[in-house]
Amino acid sequence: MRAQIARELEPGDSIAVNGVCLTASAVEDGCFRAHAVAETLARSTLGALEASSVVNLEAPLRAGERLGGHIVQGHVDGVGTVSTIHEDDRSRVLTIELAPALHRYVAEKGSVAVDGVSLTVSALGDRDFSVALIPETLRRTTLGGVAVGDRVNLEVDVLAKYVERLLAGQGQEG
């Protein structure tokens, strides 16, 4: 199935594929081609995709447009694993395990991107976090089809990373 978003691309444009920012190198007939370097493949699930894989696609925010969500760059920090899924009232709650190096950037009621979908953290555990997915998110993204054990791309809050870096530099002259 060809996506409308691919029809709007030009070579050189950015496009997020499951949350991974790539550059379209060729565009033809509503399809695009992009290259993923070794760093991208090591930090994401892109290397496991097959020709028939369904993915989330998102174009970058254009200057001057309304920011309708969280700040997401498409710079995947690592991969998490879906550990539990349960229905809760009118939502589906995913719990995702992640590496300690990323866990410190996740805060309850903070933001996290899962396969490129910007979400609010509903709960935080010692080694995991949970997100509640509304029916609209389940319908419009690939997250409606994830299963326990699936690996997902994670992008943690970029602001938290910058704050940590700035605080680490206190007392140093630059």
Foldseek 3Di string as FASTA:
>chain_A
DADPVLVPDDAQFWKAWLLATFGFHDHDDRDTDTDDDPVRVQAFVVVVDDPPDDTDMDGDDDPPDDDPAADGDSHFRHKWFFADWDDDDQWIKTKTFDDPVQLVLADQQFWKAWRRRIFGFPAHDPGITMTTGHPVCLVRGCPVPDDGGDMITMDGHPVSVVVVVVVVCPPPDD
